Amino acid sequence: MNELMTHLRETLLAGDLERIRQLTEEALNSGSTPQEILEQGLRPAMEALGDRFSRGEAFLPELLMAAETMKASMEVLQPAIVGTGLTPRATLLLGTVQGDIHDIGKNLVKMMFEGAGYKVIDLDINVKAEKFLEAYRREKPDLVGLSALLTTTIGEMEKVIRLVRGYDPKAKFIVGGAPVTQAFADRVGANGYAPDAGEAVKVGNRIIGLS
């Protein structure tokens, strides 16, 4: 069993879509639960890659390739997950703020959180503060992720945080994007700042108290 999980991790990092599907089926057929496959095979590989990316030892194409491979495995796991009633670890509400149409960073963050077992509600790009509030009230997420790539749009983050906290003072936020800094995050009242997609899950987990 441990050998199979090792193969799953190696295959995910190698980006072999067909092989990951085969190994996922094999693991299920050998009696592994979806939770075991996720926690012992897939998530450790994504976490290790995220760490390497943060240290500059892995690069964007590797991250994208691994995320696609993770997605292929999840497609095989999905019917079994539904059958066992496995619930997400937490829910992330995610979007790029109003005035900003950049989505590469946001999409990477989405992939990393999904790989970590989160349900991600993606509001996409150019999202008004009012739309964040509407989605927050409807979905009641554990965490809200705000992305911006332009210095002219990061002020929108503060607007979103103020508006949502007017509804729920305990709402938790993680912010990121090229012009965003820890000092900015502190100033606008965010609970955490992620310098890149590799760090985002660690920061998010810390904010909401997940190990």
C-alpha atoms as a PDB file:
ATOM      1  CA  MET A   1       0.000   0.000   0.000  1.00  0.00           C
ATOM      2  CA  ASN A   2       2.760   2.439   0.907  1.00  0.00           C
ATOM      3  CA  GLU A   3       4.502   1.591  -2.364  1.00  0.00           C
ATOM      4  CA  LEU A   4       1.339   2.423  -4.295  1.00  0.00           C
ATOM      5  CA  MET A   5       1.052   5.782  -2.521  1.00  0.00           C
ATOM      6  CA  THR A   6       4.688   6.489  -3.362  1.00  0.00           C
ATOM      7  CA  HIS A   7       3.953   5.737  -7.012  1.00  0.00           C
ATOM      8  CA  LEU A   8       0.946   8.064  -6.893  1.00  0.00           C
ATOM      9  CA  ARG A   9       3.087  10.894  -5.530  1.00  0.00           C
ATOM     10  CA  GLU A  10       5.833  10.322  -8.104  1.00  0.00           C
ATOM     11  CA  THR A  11       3.357  10.112 -10.971  1.00  0.00           C
ATOM     12  CA  LEU A  12       1.612  13.324  -9.930  1.00  0.00           C
ATOM     13  CA  LEU A  13       4.925  15.182  -9.855  1.00  0.00           C
ATOM     14  CA  ALA A  14       5.877  13.680 -13.243  1.00  0.00           C
ATOM     15  CA  GLY A  15       2.641  14.987 -14.763  1.00  0.00           C
ATOM     16  CA  ASP A  16       1.604  11.635 -16.274  1.00  0.00           C
ATOM     17  CA  LEU A  17      -2.159  11.989 -16.744  1.00  0.00           C
ATOM     18  CA  GLU A  18      -2.892   8.489 -18.014  1.00  0.00           C
ATOM     19  CA  ARG A  19      -0.748   6.779 -15.406  1.00  0.00           C
ATOM     20  CA  ILE A  20      -2.278   8.755 -12.527  1.00  0.00           C
ATOM     21  CA  ARG A  21      -5.742   7.614 -13.617  1.00  0.00           C
ATOM     22  CA  GLN A  22      -4.586   3.994 -13.681  1.00  0.00           C
ATOM     23  CA  LEU A  23      -2.905   4.221 -10.280  1.00  0.00           C
ATOM     24  CA  THR A  24      -5.919   5.934  -8.721  1.00  0.00           C
ATOM     25  CA  GLU A  25      -8.174   3.132 -10.002  1.00  0.00           C
ATOM     26  CA  GLU A  26      -5.676   0.571  -8.734  1.00  0.00           C
ATOM     27  CA  ALA A  27      -5.596   2.167  -5.287  1.00  0.00           C
ATOM     28  CA  LEU A  28      -9.396   2.197  -5.064  1.00  0.00           C
ATOM     29  CA  ASN A  29      -9.642  -1.391  -6.260  1.00  0.00           C
ATOM     30  CA  SER A  30      -7.064  -2.495  -3.686  1.00  0.00           C
ATOM     31  CA  GLY A  31      -9.235  -1.135  -0.887  1.00  0.00           C
ATOM     32  CA  SER A  32      -7.838   2.349  -0.282  1.00  0.00           C
ATOM     33  CA  THR A  33     -10.441   4.964   0.601  1.00  0.00           C
ATOM     34  CA  PRO A  34     -10.563   8.297  -1.237  1.00  0.00           C
ATOM     35  CA  GLN A  35      -9.410   9.970   1.981  1.00  0.00           C
ATOM     36  CA  GLU A  36      -6.340   7.711   2.202  1.00  0.00           C
ATOM     37  CA  ILE A  37      -5.463   8.361  -1.444  1.00  0.00           C
ATOM     38  CA  LEU A  38      -5.765  12.090  -0.905  1.00  0.00           C
ATOM     39  CA  GLU A  39      -3.966  12.304   2.424  1.00  0.00           C
ATOM     40  CA  GLN A  40      -1.211   9.761   1.789  1.00  0.00           C
ATOM     41  CA  GLY A  41      -0.712  10.133  -1.956  1.00  0.00           C
ATOM     42  CA  LEU A  42      -1.897  13.299  -3.646  1.00  0.00           C
ATOM     43  CA  ARG A  43      -1.802  16.054  -1.009  1.00  0.00           C
ATOM     44  CA  PRO A  44       1.752  15.353   0.209  1.00  0.00           C
ATOM     45  CA  ALA A  45       2.990  15.589  -3.379  1.00  0.00           C
ATOM     46  CA  MET A  46       1.239  18.924  -3.968  1.00  0.00           C
ATOM     47  CA  GLU A  47       2.492  20.285  -0.633  1.00  0.00           C
ATOM     48  CA  ALA A  48       6.066  19.266  -1.432  1.00  0.00           C
ATOM     49  CA  LEU A  49       5.833  20.878  -4.845  1.00  0.00           C
ATOM     50  CA  GLY A  50       4.380  24.044  -3.318  1.00  0.00           C
ATOM     51  CA  ASP A  51       7.341  24.212  -0.938  1.00  0.00           C
ATOM     52  CA  ARG A  52       9.799  23.778  -3.817  1.00  0.00           C
ATOM     53  CA  PHE A  53       8.004  26.475  -5.811  1.00  0.00           C
ATOM     54  CA  SER A  54       8.227  28.896  -2.869  1.00  0.00           C
ATOM     55  CA  ARG A  55      11.970  28.235  -2.586  1.00  0.00           C
ATOM     56  CA  GLY A  56      12.500  28.803  -6.316  1.00  0.00           C
ATOM     57  CA  GLU A  57      13.371  25.141  -6.898  1.00  0.00           C
ATOM     58  CA  ALA A  58      10.281  24.418  -9.019  1.00  0.00           C
ATOM     59  CA  PHE A  59       8.689  26.596 -11.673  1.00  0.00           C
ATOM     60  CA  LEU A  60       5.294  27.552 -13.035  1.00  0.00           C
ATOM     61  CA  PRO A  61       5.061  24.849 -15.760  1.00  0.00           C
ATOM     62  CA  GLU A  62       5.693  22.131 -13.151  1.00  0.00           C
ATOM     63  CA  LEU A  63       3.017  23.561 -10.880  1.00  0.00           C
ATOM     64  CA  LEU A  64       0.488  23.733 -13.713  1.00  0.00           C
ATOM     65  CA  MET A  65       1.326  20.212 -14.885  1.00  0.00           C
ATOM     66  CA  ALA A  66       0.965  18.763 -11.394  1.00  0.00           C
ATOM     67  CA  ALA A  67      -2.341  20.575 -10.895  1.00  0.00           C
ATOM     68  CA  GLU A  68      -3.719  19.081 -14.121  1.00  0.00           C
ATOM     69  CA  THR A  69      -2.546  15.637 -13.037  1.00  0.00           C
ATOM     70  CA  MET A  70      -4.191  16.097  -9.647  1.00  0.00           C
ATOM     71  CA  LYS A  71      -7.399  17.033 -11.458  1.00  0.00           C
ATOM     72  CA  ALA A  72      -7.232  13.813 -13.517  1.00  0.00           C
ATOM     73  CA  SER A  73      -6.906  11.751 -10.347  1.00  0.00           C
ATOM     74  CA  MET A  74      -9.770  13.627  -8.702  1.00  0.00           C
ATOM     75  CA  GLU A  75     -12.031  12.824 -11.669  1.00  0.00           C
ATOM     76  CA  VAL A  76     -11.468   9.122 -10.953  1.00  0.00           C
ATOM     77  CA  LEU A  77     -11.959   9.631  -7.207  1.00  0.00           C
ATOM     78  CA  GLN A  78     -15.114  11.752  -7.472  1.00  0.00           C
ATOM     79  CA  PRO A  79     -17.709   8.918  -7.680  1.00  0.00           C
ATOM     80  CA  ALA A  80     -16.079   7.215  -4.683  1.00  0.00           C
ATOM     81  CA  ILE A  81     -15.969  10.494  -2.753  1.00  0.00           C
ATOM     82  CA  VAL A  82     -19.696  10.980  -3.337  1.00  0.00           C
ATOM     83  CA  GLY A  83     -20.307   7.389  -2.251  1.00  0.00           C
ATOM     84  CA  THR A  84     -18.414   7.760   1.022  1.00  0.00           C
ATOM     85  CA  GLY A  85     -19.757  11.224   1.817  1.00  0.00           C
ATOM     86  CA  LEU A  86     -16.238  12.653   2.225  1.00  0.00           C
ATOM     87  CA  THR A  87     -16.583  16.358   2.935  1.00  0.00           C
ATOM     88  CA  PRO A  88     -14.119  19.130   2.006  1.00  0.00           C
ATOM     89  CA  ARG A  89     -11.660  20.193   4.690  1.00  0.00           C
ATOM     90  CA  ALA A  90     -12.828  23.796   4.369  1.00  0.00           C
ATOM     91  CA  THR A  91     -14.345  26.249   1.894  1.00  0.00           C
ATOM     92  CA  LEU A  92     -12.463  29.079   0.177  1.00  0.00           C
ATOM     93  CA  LEU A  93     -14.235  31.939  -1.575  1.00  0.00           C
ATOM     94  CA  LEU A  94     -11.812  33.292  -4.177  1.00  0.00           C
ATOM     95  CA  GLY A  95     -11.697  36.107  -6.688  1.00  0.00           C
ATOM     96  CA  THR A  96      -9.673  38.853  -8.371  1.00  0.00           C
ATOM     97  CA  VAL A  97     -10.898  42.260  -7.223  1.00  0.00           C
ATOM     98  CA  GLN A  98     -12.774  44.824  -9.295  1.00  0.00           C
ATOM     99  CA  GLY A  99     -10.742  46.530 -12.005  1.00  0.00           C
ATOM    100  CA  ASP A 100      -8.301  43.631 -12.356  1.00  0.00           C
ATOM    101  CA  ILE A 101      -8.667  41.030 -15.120  1.00  0.00           C
ATOM    102  CA  HIS A 102      -5.553  38.946 -14.338  1.00  0.00           C
ATOM    103  CA  ASP A 103      -6.317  35.367 -13.414  1.00  0.00           C
ATOM    104  CA  ILE A 104      -3.157  33.236 -13.697  1.00  0.00           C
ATOM    105  CA  GLY A 105      -2.142  33.728 -10.057  1.00  0.00           C
ATOM    106  CA  LYS A 106      -5.708  33.251  -8.845  1.00  0.00           C
ATOM    107  CA  ASN A 107      -6.075  30.061 -10.851  1.00  0.00           C
ATOM    108  CA  LEU A 108      -2.853  28.666  -9.417  1.00  0.00           C
ATOM    109  CA  VAL A 109      -4.037  29.419  -5.910  1.00  0.00           C
ATOM    110  CA  LYS A 110      -7.334  27.693  -6.712  1.00  0.00           C
ATOM    111  CA  MET A 111      -5.513  24.570  -7.910  1.00  0.00           C
ATOM    112  CA  MET A 112      -3.310  24.457  -4.805  1.00  0.00           C
ATOM    113  CA  PHE A 113      -6.259  24.800  -2.426  1.00  0.00           C
ATOM    114  CA  GLU A 114      -8.272  22.178  -4.299  1.00  0.00           C
ATOM    115  CA  GLY A 115      -5.247  19.905  -4.092  1.00  0.00           C
ATOM    116  CA  ALA A 116      -5.234  20.483  -0.333  1.00  0.00           C
ATOM    117  CA  GLY A 117      -8.832  19.300  -0.012  1.00  0.00           C
ATOM    118  CA  TYR A 118     -10.655  22.625   0.010  1.00  0.00           C
ATOM    119  CA  LYS A 119     -13.892  23.349  -1.780  1.00  0.00           C
ATOM    120  CA  VAL A 120     -13.113  26.465  -3.837  1.00  0.00           C
ATOM    121  CA  ILE A 121     -15.834  28.848  -4.962  1.00  0.00           C
ATOM    122  CA  ASP A 122     -14.215  30.880  -7.729  1.00  0.00           C
ATOM    123  CA  LEU A 123     -15.870  34.231  -8.458  1.00  0.00           C
ATOM    124  CA  ASP A 124     -13.405  34.774 -11.343  1.00  0.00           C
ATOM    125  CA  ILE A 125     -11.982  38.222 -12.241  1.00  0.00           C
ATOM    126  CA  ASN A 126     -13.056  41.865 -11.899  1.00  0.00           C
ATOM    127  CA  VAL A 127     -15.278  41.031  -8.924  1.00  0.00           C
ATOM    128  CA  LYS A 128     -17.142  43.868  -7.213  1.00  0.00           C
ATOM    129  CA  ALA A 129     -17.052  44.105  -3.431  1.00  0.00           C
ATOM    130  CA  GLU A 130     -20.823  43.671  -3.363  1.00  0.00           C
ATOM    131  CA  LYS A 131     -20.500  40.373  -5.249  1.00  0.00           C
ATOM    132  CA  PHE A 132     -18.004  39.097  -2.663  1.00  0.00           C
ATOM    133  CA  LEU A 133     -20.481  40.001   0.079  1.00  0.00           C
ATOM    134  CA  GLU A 134     -23.378  38.347  -1.738  1.00  0.00           C
ATOM    135  CA  ALA A 135     -21.350  35.135  -2.213  1.00  0.00           C
ATOM    136  CA  TYR A 136     -20.101  35.238   1.383  1.00  0.00           C
ATOM    137  CA  ARG A 137     -23.632  35.458   2.739  1.00  0.00           C
ATOM    138  CA  ARG A 138     -24.757  32.610   0.487  1.00  0.00           C
ATOM    139  CA  GLU A 139     -21.795  30.230   0.850  1.00  0.00           C
ATOM    140  CA  LYS A 140     -20.556  31.010   4.382  1.00  0.00           C
ATOM    141  CA  PRO A 141     -16.926  30.142   3.532  1.00  0.00           C
ATOM    142  CA  ASP A 142     -14.197  29.513   6.098  1.00  0.00           C
ATOM    143  CA  LEU A 143     -11.805  31.807   4.231  1.00  0.00           C
ATOM    144  CA  VAL A 144     -11.907  34.519   1.555  1.00  0.00           C
ATOM    145  CA  GLY A 145      -9.018  34.879  -0.893  1.00  0.00           C
ATOM    146  CA  LEU A 146      -8.466  38.207  -2.668  1.00  0.00           C
ATOM    147  CA  SER A 147      -6.102  38.561  -5.631  1.00  0.00           C
ATOM    148  CA  ALA A 148      -4.795  41.631  -7.460  1.00  0.00           C
ATOM    149  CA  LEU A 149      -1.934  42.179  -9.884  1.00  0.00           C
ATOM    150  CA  LEU A 150      -2.205  45.945 -10.340  1.00  0.00           C
ATOM    151  CA  THR A 151      -1.177  48.626  -7.856  1.00  0.00           C
ATOM    152  CA  THR A 152      -4.246  50.562  -8.989  1.00  0.00           C
ATOM    153  CA  THR A 153      -6.612  47.816  -7.830  1.00  0.00           C
ATOM    154  CA  ILE A 154      -5.222  46.654  -4.474  1.00  0.00           C
ATOM    155  CA  GLY A 155      -7.269  49.334  -2.728  1.00  0.00           C
ATOM    156  CA  GLU A 156     -10.331  47.286  -3.676  1.00  0.00           C
ATOM    157  CA  MET A 157      -9.144  44.616  -1.254  1.00  0.00           C
ATOM    158  CA  GLU A 158      -9.690  46.944   1.680  1.00  0.00           C
ATOM    159  CA  LYS A 159     -13.156  47.775   0.360  1.00  0.00           C
ATOM    160  CA  VAL A 160     -14.090  44.077   0.188  1.00  0.00           C
ATOM    161  CA  ILE A 161     -12.744  43.383   3.667  1.00  0.00           C
ATOM    162  CA  ARG A 162     -14.637  46.336   5.174  1.00  0.00           C
ATOM    163  CA  LEU A 163     -17.886  45.403   3.443  1.00  0.00           C
ATOM    164  CA  VAL A 164     -17.806  41.703   4.340  1.00  0.00           C
ATOM    165  CA  ARG A 165     -16.703  42.387   7.913  1.00  0.00           C
ATOM    166  CA  GLY A 166     -19.665  44.745   8.228  1.00  0.00           C
ATOM    167  CA  TYR A 167     -21.781  41.619   7.805  1.00  0.00           C
ATOM    168  CA  ASP A 168     -19.503  39.217   9.693  1.00  0.00           C
ATOM    169  CA  PRO A 169     -16.787  40.779  11.882  1.00  0.00           C
ATOM    170  CA  LYS A 170     -15.113  37.365  12.172  1.00  0.00           C
ATOM    171  CA  ALA A 171     -14.666  36.880   8.401  1.00  0.00           C
ATOM    172  CA  LYS A 172     -11.141  35.669   7.569  1.00  0.00           C
ATOM    173  CA  PHE A 173      -9.127  36.925   4.599  1.00  0.00           C
ATOM    174  CA  ILE A 174      -5.968  35.921   2.762  1.00  0.00           C
ATOM    175  CA  VAL A 175      -4.552  38.350   0.180  1.00  0.00           C
ATOM    176  CA  GLY A 176      -1.921  38.074  -2.519  1.00  0.00           C
ATOM    177  CA  GLY A 177      -0.648  39.346  -5.865  1.00  0.00           C
ATOM    178  CA  ALA A 178       2.431  41.073  -7.241  1.00  0.00           C
ATOM    179  CA  PRO A 179       1.936  44.502  -5.582  1.00  0.00           C
ATOM    180  CA  VAL A 180       0.690  43.078  -2.264  1.00  0.00           C
ATOM    181  CA  THR A 181       2.989  42.955   0.779  1.00  0.00           C
ATOM    182  CA  GLN A 182       2.712  41.826   4.372  1.00  0.00           C
ATOM    183  CA  ALA A 183       2.631  45.474   5.452  1.00  0.00           C
ATOM    184  CA  PHE A 184      -0.302  46.136   3.116  1.00  0.00           C
ATOM    185  CA  ALA A 185      -2.119  43.026   4.377  1.00  0.00           C
ATOM    186  CA  ASP A 186      -1.660  44.207   7.957  1.00  0.00           C
ATOM    187  CA  ARG A 187      -2.872  47.693   7.114  1.00  0.00           C
ATOM    188  CA  VAL A 188      -6.117  46.549   5.471  1.00  0.00           C
ATOM    189  CA  GLY A 189      -6.858  43.999   8.189  1.00  0.00           C
ATOM    190  CA  ALA A 190      -6.286  40.774   6.261  1.00  0.00           C
ATOM    191  CA  ASN A 191      -5.564  37.708   8.375  1.00  0.00           C
ATOM    192  CA  GLY A 192      -2.715  36.586   6.152  1.00  0.00           C
ATOM    193  CA  TYR A 193      -0.580  37.315   3.107  1.00  0.00           C
ATOM    194  CA  ALA A 194       0.705  34.725   0.638  1.00  0.00           C
ATOM    195  CA  PRO A 195       3.709  35.761  -1.475  1.00  0.00           C
ATOM    196  CA  ASP A 196       2.980  32.976  -3.980  1.00  0.00           C
ATOM    197  CA  ALA A 197       0.664  30.042  -4.711  1.00  0.00           C
ATOM    198  CA  GLY A 198       3.048  27.632  -3.027  1.00  0.00           C
ATOM    199  CA  GLU A 199       2.691  29.416   0.312  1.00  0.00           C
ATOM    200  CA  ALA A 200      -1.018  30.159   0.026  1.00  0.00           C
ATOM    201  CA  VAL A 201      -2.315  26.862   1.427  1.00  0.00           C
ATOM    202  CA  LYS A 202       0.054  26.973   4.409  1.00  0.00           C
ATOM    203  CA  VAL A 203      -1.049  30.514   5.234  1.00  0.00           C
ATOM    204  CA  GLY A 204      -4.716  29.646   4.690  1.00  0.00           C
ATOM    205  CA  ASN A 205      -4.501  26.572   6.898  1.00  0.00           C
ATOM    206  CA  ARG A 206      -2.866  28.626   9.629  1.00  0.00           C
ATOM    207  CA  ILE A 207      -5.571  31.308   9.461  1.00  0.00           C
ATOM    208  CA  ILE A 208      -8.436  28.876   9.945  1.00  0.00           C
ATOM    209  CA  GLY A 209      -6.614  26.513  12.285  1.00  0.00           C
ATOM    210  CA  LEU A 210      -6.031  23.492  10.045  1.00  0.00           C
ATOM    211  CA  SER A 211      -2.827  21.483  10.431  1.00  0.00           C
END
